[in-house]
Amino acid sequence: QLVESGGGLVQAGGSLRLSCAASGRTFSIYAMGWFRQAPGKER
């Protein structure tokens, strides 16, 4: 299971830090990362 946090509203030029916590059979994970999807666009 993966749970993201840290999103929000920020002004251009600002910063955010996203976190993703994994639980369950975490020993089976060999890589982690991020995708994004803008409105009306592909992931």
ModelCIF file with pLDDT and N, C-alpha, C, O atoms, coordinates in Angstrom:
data_MODEL
#
_entry.id   MODEL 
#
_entity.id                         1 
_entity.type                       polymer 
_entity.pdbx_number_of_molecules   1 
#
_entity_poly.entity_id                      1 
_entity_poly.type                           'polypeptide(L)' 
_entity_poly.nstd_linkage                   no 
_entity_poly.nstd_monomer                   no 
_entity_poly.pdbx_seq_one_letter_code       QLVESGGGLVQAGGSLRLSCAASGRTFSIYAMGWFRQAPGKER 
_entity_poly.pdbx_seq_one_letter_code_can   QLVESGGGLVQAGGSLRLSCAASGRTFSIYAMGWFRQAPGKER 
_entity_poly.pdbx_strand_id                 A 
#
loop_
_entity_poly_seq.entity_id 
_entity_poly_seq.num 
_entity_poly_seq.mon_id 
_entity_poly_seq.hetero 
1 1  GLN n 
1 2  LEU n 
1 3  VAL n 
1 4  GLU n 
1 5  SER n 
1 6  GLY n 
1 7  GLY n 
1 8  GLY n 
1 9  LEU n 
1 10 VAL n 
1 11 GLN n 
1 12 ALA n 
1 13 GLY n 
1 14 GLY n 
1 15 SER n 
1 16 LEU n 
1 17 ARG n 
1 18 LEU n 
1 19 SER n 
1 20 CYS n 
1 21 ALA n 
1 22 ALA n 
1 23 SER n 
1 24 GLY n 
1 25 ARG n 
1 26 THR n 
1 27 PHE n 
1 28 SER n 
1 29 ILE n 
1 30 TYR n 
1 31 ALA n 
1 32 MET n 
1 33 GLY n 
1 34 TRP n 
1 35 PHE n 
1 36 ARG n 
1 37 GLN n 
1 38 ALA n 
1 39 PRO n 
1 40 GLY n 
1 41 LYS n 
1 42 GLU n 
1 43 ARG n 
#
_struct_asym.id          A 
_struct_asym.entity_id   1 
#
loop_
_ma_qa_metric.id 
_ma_qa_metric.mode 
_ma_qa_metric.name 
_ma_qa_metric.software_group_id 
_ma_qa_metric.type 
1 global pLDDT . pLDDT 
2 local  pLDDT . pLDDT 
#
_ma_qa_metric_global.metric_id      1 
_ma_qa_metric_global.metric_value   96.40 
_ma_qa_metric_global.model_id       1 
_ma_qa_metric_global.ordinal_id     1 
#
loop_
_ma_qa_metric_local.label_asym_id 
_ma_qa_metric_local.label_comp_id 
_ma_qa_metric_local.label_seq_id 
_ma_qa_metric_local.metric_id 
_ma_qa_metric_local.metric_value 
_ma_qa_metric_local.model_id 
_ma_qa_metric_local.ordinal_id 
A GLN 1  2 97.00 1 1  
A LEU 2  2 98.00 1 2  
A VAL 3  2 97.00 1 3  
A GLU 4  2 97.00 1 4  
A SER 5  2 97.00 1 5  
A GLY 6  2 97.00 1 6  
A GLY 7  2 98.00 1 7  
A GLY 8  2 98.00 1 8  
A LEU 9  2 98.00 1 9  
A VAL 10 2 98.00 1 10 
A GLN 11 2 98.00 1 11 
A ALA 12 2 98.00 1 12 
A GLY 13 2 98.00 1 13 
A GLY 14 2 98.00 1 14 
A SER 15 2 98.00 1 15 
A LEU 16 2 98.00 1 16 
A ARG 17 2 98.00 1 17 
A LEU 18 2 98.00 1 18 
A SER 19 2 98.00 1 19 
A CYS 20 2 98.00 1 20 
A ALA 21 2 97.00 1 21 
A ALA 22 2 97.00 1 22 
A SER 23 2 97.00 1 23 
A GLY 24 2 96.00 1 24 
A ARG 25 2 94.00 1 25 
A THR 26 2 93.00 1 26 
A PHE 27 2 91.00 1 27 
A SER 28 2 92.00 1 28 
A ILE 29 2 94.00 1 29 
A TYR 30 2 94.00 1 30 
A ALA 31 2 96.00 1 31 
A MET 32 2 96.00 1 32 
A GLY 33 2 97.00 1 33 
A TRP 34 2 98.00 1 34 
A PHE 35 2 98.00 1 35 
A ARG 36 2 98.00 1 36 
A GLN 37 2 98.00 1 37 
A ALA 38 2 96.00 1 38 
A PRO 39 2 90.00 1 39 
A GLY 40 2 92.00 1 40 
A LYS 41 2 95.00 1 41 
A GLU 42 2 95.00 1 42 
A ARG 43 2 96.00 1 43 
#
loop_
_atom_site.group_PDB 
_atom_site.id 
_atom_site.type_symbol 
_atom_site.label_atom_id 
_atom_site.label_alt_id 
_atom_site.label_comp_id 
_atom_site.label_asym_id 
_atom_site.label_entity_id 
_atom_site.label_seq_id 
_atom_site.pdbx_PDB_ins_code 
_atom_site.Cartn_x 
_atom_site.Cartn_y 
_atom_site.Cartn_z 
_atom_site.occupancy 
_atom_site.B_iso_or_equiv 
_atom_site.pdbx_formal_charge 
_atom_site.auth_seq_id 
_atom_site.auth_comp_id 
_atom_site.auth_asym_id 
_atom_site.auth_atom_id 
_atom_site.pdbx_PDB_model_num 
ATOM 1   N N  . GLN A 1 1  ? 0.844  -1.184 0.000   1.00 97.00 ? 1  GLN A N  1 
ATOM 2   C CA . GLN A 1 1  ? 0.000  0.000  0.000   1.00 97.00 ? 1  GLN A CA 1 
ATOM 3   C C  . GLN A 1 1  ? 0.884  1.240  0.000   1.00 97.00 ? 1  GLN A C  1 
ATOM 4   O O  . GLN A 1 1  ? 1.898  1.285  0.697   1.00 97.00 ? 1  GLN A O  1 
ATOM 5   N N  . LEU A 1 2  ? 0.499  2.246  -0.782  1.00 98.00 ? 2  LEU A N  1 
ATOM 6   C CA . LEU A 1 2  ? 1.235  3.488  -0.896  1.00 98.00 ? 2  LEU A CA 1 
ATOM 7   C C  . LEU A 1 2  ? 0.323  4.649  -0.526  1.00 98.00 ? 2  LEU A C  1 
ATOM 8   O O  . LEU A 1 2  ? -0.813 4.720  -0.995  1.00 98.00 ? 2  LEU A O  1 
ATOM 9   N N  . VAL A 1 3  ? 0.811  5.559  0.313   1.00 97.00 ? 3  VAL A N  1 
ATOM 10  C CA . VAL A 1 3  ? 0.039  6.715  0.739   1.00 97.00 ? 3  VAL A CA 1 
ATOM 11  C C  . VAL A 1 3  ? 0.869  7.968  0.536   1.00 97.00 ? 3  VAL A C  1 
ATOM 12  O O  . VAL A 1 3  ? 1.943  8.110  1.121   1.00 97.00 ? 3  VAL A O  1 
ATOM 13  N N  . GLU A 1 4  ? 0.367  8.887  -0.304  1.00 97.00 ? 4  GLU A N  1 
ATOM 14  C CA . GLU A 1 4  ? 1.048  10.148 -0.568  1.00 97.00 ? 4  GLU A CA 1 
ATOM 15  C C  . GLU A 1 4  ? 0.575  11.228 0.398   1.00 97.00 ? 4  GLU A C  1 
ATOM 16  O O  . GLU A 1 4  ? -0.539 11.174 0.918   1.00 97.00 ? 4  GLU A O  1 
ATOM 17  N N  . SER A 1 5  ? 1.439  12.205 0.624   1.00 97.00 ? 5  SER A N  1 
ATOM 18  C CA . SER A 1 5  ? 1.077  13.376 1.409   1.00 97.00 ? 5  SER A CA 1 
ATOM 19  C C  . SER A 1 5  ? 1.962  14.537 0.988   1.00 97.00 ? 5  SER A C  1 
ATOM 20  O O  . SER A 1 5  ? 2.984  14.339 0.331   1.00 97.00 ? 5  SER A O  1 
ATOM 21  N N  . GLY A 1 6  ? 1.570  15.749 1.365   1.00 97.00 ? 6  GLY A N  1 
ATOM 22  C CA . GLY A 1 6  ? 2.390  16.924 1.129   1.00 97.00 ? 6  GLY A CA 1 
ATOM 23  C C  . GLY A 1 6  ? 1.929  17.833 0.010   1.00 97.00 ? 6  GLY A C  1 
ATOM 24  O O  . GLY A 1 6  ? 2.515  18.896 -0.193  1.00 97.00 ? 6  GLY A O  1 
ATOM 25  N N  . GLY A 1 7  ? 0.899  17.449 -0.719  1.00 98.00 ? 7  GLY A N  1 
ATOM 26  C CA . GLY A 1 7  ? 0.400  18.302 -1.778  1.00 98.00 ? 7  GLY A CA 1 
ATOM 27  C C  . GLY A 1 7  ? -0.288 19.534 -1.226  1.00 98.00 ? 7  GLY A C  1 
ATOM 28  O O  . GLY A 1 7  ? -0.589 19.613 -0.035  1.00 98.00 ? 7  GLY A O  1 
ATOM 29  N N  . GLY A 1 8  ? -0.533 20.494 -2.105  1.00 98.00 ? 8  GLY A N  1 
ATOM 30  C CA . GLY A 1 8  ? -1.197 21.710 -1.685  1.00 98.00 ? 8  GLY A CA 1 
ATOM 31  C C  . GLY A 1 8  ? -1.108 22.790 -2.732  1.00 98.00 ? 8  GLY A C  1 
ATOM 32  O O  . GLY A 1 8  ? -0.779 22.531 -3.890  1.00 98.00 ? 8  GLY A O  1 
ATOM 33  N N  . LEU A 1 9  ? -1.404 24.012 -2.314  1.00 98.00 ? 9  LEU A N  1 
ATOM 34  C CA . LEU A 1 9  ? -1.394 25.186 -3.175  1.00 98.00 ? 9  LEU A CA 1 
ATOM 35  C C  . LEU A 1 9  ? -0.159 26.023 -2.873  1.00 98.00 ? 9  LEU A C  1 
ATOM 36  O O  . LEU A 1 9  ? 0.138  26.310 -1.714  1.00 98.00 ? 9  LEU A O  1 
ATOM 37  N N  . VAL A 1 10 ? 0.559  26.414 -3.924  1.00 98.00 ? 10 VAL A N  1 
ATOM 38  C CA . VAL A 1 10 ? 1.773  27.201 -3.755  1.00 98.00 ? 10 VAL A CA 1 
ATOM 39  C C  . VAL A 1 10 ? 1.903  28.175 -4.917  1.00 98.00 ? 10 VAL A C  1 
ATOM 40  O O  . VAL A 1 10 ? 1.433  27.897 -6.021  1.00 98.00 ? 10 VAL A O  1 
ATOM 41  N N  . GLN A 1 11 ? 2.537  29.310 -4.672  1.00 98.00 ? 11 GLN A N  1 
ATOM 42  C CA . GLN A 1 11 ? 2.785  30.283 -5.732  1.00 98.00 ? 11 GLN A CA 1 
ATOM 43  C C  . GLN A 1 11 ? 3.934  29.835 -6.622  1.00 98.00 ? 11 GLN A C  1 
ATOM 44  O O  . GLN A 1 11 ? 4.815  29.090 -6.194  1.00 98.00 ? 11 GLN A O  1 
ATOM 45  N N  . ALA A 1 12 ? 3.912  30.298 -7.865  1.00 98.00 ? 12 ALA A N  1 
ATOM 46  C CA . ALA A 1 12 ? 5.014  30.027 -8.774  1.00 98.00 ? 12 ALA A CA 1 
ATOM 47  C C  . ALA A 1 12 ? 6.332  30.479 -8.156  1.00 98.00 ? 12 ALA A C  1 
ATOM 48  O O  . ALA A 1 12 ? 6.423  31.561 -7.576  1.00 98.00 ? 12 ALA A O  1 
ATOM 49  N N  . GLY A 1 13 ? 7.351  29.634 -8.291  1.00 98.00 ? 13 GLY A N  1 
ATOM 50  C CA . GLY A 1 13 ? 8.641  29.894 -7.682  1.00 98.00 ? 13 GLY A CA 1 
ATOM 51  C C  . GLY A 1 13 ? 8.799  29.299 -6.302  1.00 98.00 ? 13 GLY A C  1 
ATOM 52  O O  . GLY A 1 13 ? 9.907  29.279 -5.764  1.00 98.00 ? 13 GLY A O  1 
ATOM 53  N N  . GLY A 1 14 ? 7.725  28.816 -5.718  1.00 98.00 ? 14 GLY A N  1 
ATOM 54  C CA . GLY A 1 14 ? 7.765  28.236 -4.394  1.00 98.00 ? 14 GLY A CA 1 
ATOM 55  C C  . GLY A 1 14 ? 8.162  26.773 -4.411  1.00 98.00 ? 14 GLY A C  1 
ATOM 56  O O  . GLY A 1 14 ? 8.540  26.224 -5.446  1.00 98.00 ? 14 GLY A O  1 
ATOM 57  N N  . SER A 1 15 ? 8.066  26.148 -3.232  1.00 98.00 ? 15 SER A N  1 
ATOM 58  C CA . SER A 1 15 ? 8.511  24.771 -3.061  1.00 98.00 ? 15 SER A CA 1 
ATOM 59  C C  . SER A 1 15 ? 7.482  23.946 -2.307  1.00 98.00 ? 15 SER A C  1 
ATOM 60  O O  . SER A 1 15 ? 6.713  24.466 -1.499  1.00 98.00 ? 15 SER A O  1 
ATOM 61  N N  . LEU A 1 16 ? 7.484  22.660 -2.584  1.00 98.00 ? 16 LEU A N  1 
ATOM 62  C CA . LEU A 1 16 ? 6.710  21.681 -1.849  1.00 98.00 ? 16 LEU A CA 1 
ATOM 63  C C  . LEU A 1 16 ? 7.530  20.409 -1.731  1.00 98.00 ? 16 LEU A C  1 
ATOM 64  O O  . LEU A 1 16 ? 8.375  20.130 -2.581  1.00 98.00 ? 16 LEU A O  1 
ATOM 65  N N  . ARG A 1 17 ? 7.284  19.638 -0.680  1.00 98.00 ? 17 ARG A N  1 
ATOM 66  C CA . ARG A 1 17 ? 7.892  18.328 -0.550  1.00 98.00 ? 17 ARG A CA 1 
ATOM 67  C C  . ARG A 1 17 ? 6.805  17.283 -0.393  1.00 98.00 ? 17 ARG A C  1 
ATOM 68  O O  . ARG A 1 17 ? 6.022  17.324 0.557   1.00 98.00 ? 17 ARG A O  1 
ATOM 69  N N  . LEU A 1 18 ? 6.760  16.349 -1.326  1.00 98.00 ? 18 LEU A N  1 
ATOM 70  C CA . LEU A 1 18 ? 5.823  15.248 -1.275  1.00 98.00 ? 18 LEU A CA 1 
ATOM 71  C C  . LEU A 1 18 ? 6.461  14.041 -0.602  1.00 98.00 ? 18 LEU A C  1 
ATOM 72  O O  . LEU A 1 18 ? 7.663  13.807 -0.734  1.00 98.00 ? 18 LEU A O  1 
ATOM 73  N N  . SER A 1 19 ? 5.650  13.282 0.117   1.00 98.00 ? 19 SER A N  1 
ATOM 74  C CA . SER A 1 19 ? 6.103  12.058 0.744   1.00 98.00 ? 19 SER A CA 1 
ATOM 75  C C  . SER A 1 19 ? 5.223  10.904 0.296   1.00 98.00 ? 19 SER A C  1 
ATOM 76  O O  . SER A 1 19 ? 4.033  11.086 0.040   1.00 98.00 ? 19 SER A O  1 
ATOM 77  N N  . CYS A 1 20 ? 5.806  9.725  0.204   1.00 98.00 ? 20 CYS A N  1 
ATOM 78  C CA . CYS A 1 20 ? 5.067  8.509  -0.122  1.00 98.00 ? 20 CYS A CA 1 
ATOM 79  C C  . CYS A 1 20 ? 5.537  7.415  0.818   1.00 98.00 ? 20 CYS A C  1 
ATOM 80  O O  . CYS A 1 20 ? 6.691  6.992  0.761   1.00 98.00 ? 20 CYS A O  1 
ATOM 81  N N  . ALA A 1 21 ? 4.646  6.957  1.680   1.00 97.00 ? 21 ALA A N  1 
ATOM 82  C CA . ALA A 1 21 ? 4.960  5.915  2.642   1.00 97.00 ? 21 ALA A CA 1 
ATOM 83  C C  . ALA A 1 21 ? 4.402  4.583  2.169   1.00 97.00 ? 21 ALA A C  1 
ATOM 84  O O  . ALA A 1 21 ? 3.223  4.481  1.831   1.00 97.00 ? 21 ALA A O  1 
ATOM 85  N N  . ALA A 1 22 ? 5.249  3.565  2.147   1.00 97.00 ? 22 ALA A N  1 
ATOM 86  C CA . ALA A 1 22 ? 4.852  2.226  1.736   1.00 97.00 ? 22 ALA A CA 1 
ATOM 87  C C  . ALA A 1 22 ? 4.653  1.340  2.953   1.00 97.00 ? 22 ALA A C  1 
ATOM 88  O O  . ALA A 1 22 ? 5.383  1.449  3.939   1.00 97.00 ? 22 ALA A O  1 
ATOM 89  N N  . SER A 1 23 ? 3.671  0.472  2.879   1.00 97.00 ? 23 SER A N  1 
ATOM 90  C CA . SER A 1 23 ? 3.419  -0.488 3.944   1.00 97.00 ? 23 SER A CA 1 
ATOM 91  C C  . SER A 1 23 ? 3.031  -1.828 3.333   1.00 97.00 ? 23 SER A C  1 
ATOM 92  O O  . SER A 1 23 ? 2.797  -1.929 2.128   1.00 97.00 ? 23 SER A O  1 
ATOM 93  N N  . GLY A 1 24 ? 2.966  -2.853 4.177   1.00 96.00 ? 24 GLY A N  1 
ATOM 94  C CA . GLY A 1 24 ? 2.681  -4.188 3.696   1.00 96.00 ? 24 GLY A CA 1 
ATOM 95  C C  . GLY A 1 24 ? 3.968  -4.932 3.385   1.00 96.00 ? 24 GLY A C  1 
ATOM 96  O O  . GLY A 1 24 ? 4.918  -4.889 4.167   1.00 96.00 ? 24 GLY A O  1 
ATOM 97  N N  . ARG A 1 25 ? 4.004  -5.618 2.242   1.00 94.00 ? 25 ARG A N  1 
ATOM 98  C CA . ARG A 1 25 ? 5.163  -6.408 1.838   1.00 94.00 ? 25 ARG A CA 1 
ATOM 99  C C  . ARG A 1 25 ? 6.208  -5.513 1.169   1.00 94.00 ? 25 ARG A C  1 
ATOM 100 O O  . ARG A 1 25 ? 6.499  -5.652 -0.019  1.00 94.00 ? 25 ARG A O  1 
ATOM 101 N N  . THR A 1 26 ? 6.759  -4.600 1.953   1.00 93.00 ? 26 THR A N  1 
ATOM 102 C CA . THR A 1 26 ? 7.677  -3.601 1.404   1.00 93.00 ? 26 THR A CA 1 
ATOM 103 C C  . THR A 1 26 ? 8.989  -4.202 0.912   1.00 93.00 ? 26 THR A C  1 
ATOM 104 O O  . THR A 1 26 ? 9.691  -3.580 0.115   1.00 93.00 ? 26 THR A O  1 
ATOM 105 N N  . PHE A 1 27 ? 9.329  -5.405 1.376   1.00 91.00 ? 27 PHE A N  1 
ATOM 106 C CA . PHE A 1 27 ? 10.557 -6.050 0.924   1.00 91.00 ? 27 PHE A CA 1 
ATOM 107 C C  . PHE A 1 27 ? 10.499 -6.420 -0.554  1.00 91.00 ? 27 PHE A C  1 
ATOM 108 O O  . PHE A 1 27 ? 11.530 -6.698 -1.165  1.00 91.00 ? 27 PHE A O  1 
ATOM 109 N N  . SER A 1 28 ? 9.307  -6.425 -1.125  1.00 92.00 ? 28 SER A N  1 
ATOM 110 C CA . SER A 1 28 ? 9.157  -6.744 -2.540  1.00 92.00 ? 28 SER A CA 1 
ATOM 111 C C  . SER A 1 28 ? 9.382  -5.551 -3.452  1.00 92.00 ? 28 SER A C  1 
ATOM 112 O O  . SER A 1 28 ? 9.382  -5.709 -4.673  1.00 92.00 ? 28 SER A O  1 
ATOM 113 N N  . ILE A 1 29 ? 9.573  -4.360 -2.893  1.00 94.00 ? 29 ILE A N  1 
ATOM 114 C CA . ILE A 1 29 ? 9.748  -3.148 -3.681  1.00 94.00 ? 29 ILE A CA 1 
ATOM 115 C C  . ILE A 1 29 ? 11.212 -2.972 -4.059  1.00 94.00 ? 29 ILE A C  1 
ATOM 116 O O  . ILE A 1 29 ? 12.093 -3.034 -3.202  1.00 94.00 ? 29 ILE A O  1 
ATOM 117 N N  . TYR A 1 30 ? 11.466 -2.753 -5.338  1.00 94.00 ? 30 TYR A N  1 
ATOM 118 C CA . TYR A 1 30 ? 12.829 -2.525 -5.823  1.00 94.00 ? 30 TYR A CA 1 
ATOM 119 C C  . TYR A 1 30 ? 13.036 -1.133 -6.406  1.00 94.00 ? 30 TYR A C  1 
ATOM 120 O O  . TYR A 1 30 ? 14.177 -0.713 -6.597  1.00 94.00 ? 30 TYR A O  1 
ATOM 121 N N  . ALA A 1 31 ? 11.970 -0.419 -6.689  1.00 96.00 ? 31 ALA A N  1 
ATOM 122 C CA . ALA A 1 31 ? 12.070 0.950  -7.158  1.00 96.00 ? 31 ALA A CA 1 
ATOM 123 C C  . ALA A 1 31 ? 10.794 1.696  -6.793  1.00 96.00 ? 31 ALA A C  1 
ATOM 124 O O  . ALA A 1 31 ? 9.710  1.114  -6.760  1.00 96.00 ? 31 ALA A O  1 
ATOM 125 N N  . MET A 1 32 ? 10.933 2.985  -6.519  1.00 96.00 ? 32 MET A N  1 
ATOM 126 C CA . MET A 1 32 ? 9.788  3.831  -6.248  1.00 96.00 ? 32 MET A CA 1 
ATOM 127 C C  . MET A 1 32 ? 9.949  5.138  -7.009  1.00 96.00 ? 32 MET A C  1 
ATOM 128 O O  . MET A 1 32 ? 11.060 5.531  -7.366  1.00 96.00 ? 32 MET A O  1 
ATOM 129 N N  . GLY A 1 33 ? 8.844  5.796  -7.248  1.00 97.00 ? 33 GLY A N  1 
ATOM 130 C CA . GLY A 1 33 ? 8.921  7.058  -7.962  1.00 97.00 ? 33 GLY A CA 1 
ATOM 131 C C  . GLY A 1 33 ? 7.581  7.742  -8.067  1.00 97.00 ? 33 GLY A C  1 
ATOM 132 O O  . GLY A 1 33 ? 6.625  7.396  -7.374  1.00 97.00 ? 33 GLY A O  1 
ATOM 133 N N  . TRP A 1 34 ? 7.532  8.733  -8.960  1.00 98.00 ? 34 TRP A N  1 
ATOM 134 C CA . TRP A 1 34 ? 6.373  9.603  -9.080  1.00 98.00 ? 34 TRP A CA 1 
ATOM 135 C C  . TRP A 1 34 ? 5.959  9.803  -10.522 1.00 98.00 ? 34 TRP A C  1 
ATOM 136 O O  . TRP A 1 34 ? 6.799  9.951  -11.409 1.00 98.00 ? 34 TRP A O  1 
ATOM 137 N N  . PHE A 1 35 ? 4.648  9.808  -10.747 1.00 98.00 ? 35 PHE A N  1 
ATOM 138 C CA . PHE A 1 35 ? 4.022  10.255 -11.974 1.00 98.00 ? 35 PHE A CA 1 
ATOM 139 C C  . PHE A 1 35 ? 3.122  11.438 -11.636 1.00 98.00 ? 35 PHE A C  1 
ATOM 140 O O  . PHE A 1 35 ? 2.812  11.678 -10.470 1.00 98.00 ? 35 PHE A O  1 
ATOM 141 N N  . ARG A 1 36 ? 2.708  12.169 -12.659 1.00 98.00 ? 36 ARG A N  1 
ATOM 142 C CA . ARG A 1 36 ? 1.750  13.236 -12.455 1.00 98.00 ? 36 ARG A CA 1 
ATOM 143 C C  . ARG A 1 36 ? 0.804  13.308 -13.649 1.00 98.00 ? 36 ARG A C  1 
ATOM 144 O O  . ARG A 1 36 ? 1.127  12.853 -14.747 1.00 98.00 ? 36 ARG A O  1 
ATOM 145 N N  . GLN A 1 37 ? -0.367 13.887 -13.410 1.00 98.00 ? 37 GLN A N  1 
ATOM 146 C CA . GLN A 1 37 ? -1.358 14.037 -14.461 1.00 98.00 ? 37 GLN A CA 1 
ATOM 147 C C  . GLN A 1 37 ? -1.988 15.415 -14.356 1.00 98.00 ? 37 GLN A C  1 
ATOM 148 O O  . GLN A 1 37 ? -2.665 15.730 -13.377 1.00 98.00 ? 37 GLN A O  1 
ATOM 149 N N  . ALA A 1 38 ? -1.760 16.228 -15.371 1.00 96.00 ? 38 ALA A N  1 
ATOM 150 C CA . ALA A 1 38 ? -2.354 17.551 -15.440 1.00 96.00 ? 38 ALA A CA 1 
ATOM 151 C C  . ALA A 1 38 ? -3.764 17.450 -16.012 1.00 96.00 ? 38 ALA A C  1 
ATOM 152 O O  . ALA A 1 38 ? -4.074 16.482 -16.706 1.00 96.00 ? 38 ALA A O  1 
ATOM 153 N N  . PRO A 1 39 ? -4.622 18.425 -15.737 1.00 90.00 ? 39 PRO A N  1 
ATOM 154 C CA . PRO A 1 39 ? -5.984 18.389 -16.275 1.00 90.00 ? 39 PRO A CA 1 
ATOM 155 C C  . PRO A 1 39 ? -5.985 18.270 -17.794 1.00 90.00 ? 39 PRO A C  1 
ATOM 156 O O  . PRO A 1 39 ? -5.328 19.047 -18.486 1.00 90.00 ? 39 PRO A O  1 
ATOM 157 N N  . GLY A 1 40 ? -6.725 17.295 -18.305 1.00 92.00 ? 40 GLY A N  1 
ATOM 158 C CA . GLY A 1 40 ? -6.850 17.111 -19.736 1.00 92.00 ? 40 GLY A CA 1 
ATOM 159 C C  . GLY A 1 40 ? -5.650 16.496 -20.422 1.00 92.00 ? 40 GLY A C  1 
ATOM 160 O O  . GLY A 1 40 ? -5.615 16.437 -21.651 1.00 92.00 ? 40 GLY A O  1 
ATOM 161 N N  . LYS A 1 41 ? -4.658 16.033 -19.664 1.00 95.00 ? 41 LYS A N  1 
ATOM 162 C CA . LYS A 1 41 ? -3.454 15.460 -20.248 1.00 95.00 ? 41 LYS A CA 1 
ATOM 163 C C  . LYS A 1 41 ? -3.225 14.045 -19.731 1.00 95.00 ? 41 LYS A C  1 
ATOM 164 O O  . LYS A 1 41 ? -3.823 13.626 -18.740 1.00 95.00 ? 41 LYS A O  1 
ATOM 165 N N  . GLU A 1 42 ? -2.347 13.313 -20.422 1.00 95.00 ? 42 GLU A N  1 
ATOM 166 C CA . GLU A 1 42 ? -2.013 11.959 -20.014 1.00 95.00 ? 42 GLU A CA 1 
ATOM 167 C C  . GLU A 1 42 ? -1.084 11.963 -18.806 1.00 95.00 ? 42 GLU A C  1 
ATOM 168 O O  . GLU A 1 42 ? -0.351 12.923 -18.567 1.00 95.00 ? 42 GLU A O  1 
ATOM 169 N N  . ARG A 1 43 ? -1.131 10.882 -18.059 1.00 96.00 ? 43 ARG A N  1 
ATOM 170 C CA . ARG A 1 43 ? -0.217 10.725 -16.943 1.00 96.00 ? 43 ARG A CA 1 
ATOM 171 C C  . ARG A 1 43 ? 1.212  10.600 -17.462 1.00 96.00 ? 43 ARG A C  1 
ATOM 172 O O  . ARG A 1 43 ? 2.146  10.459 -16.673 1.00 96.00 ? 43 ARG A O  1 
#
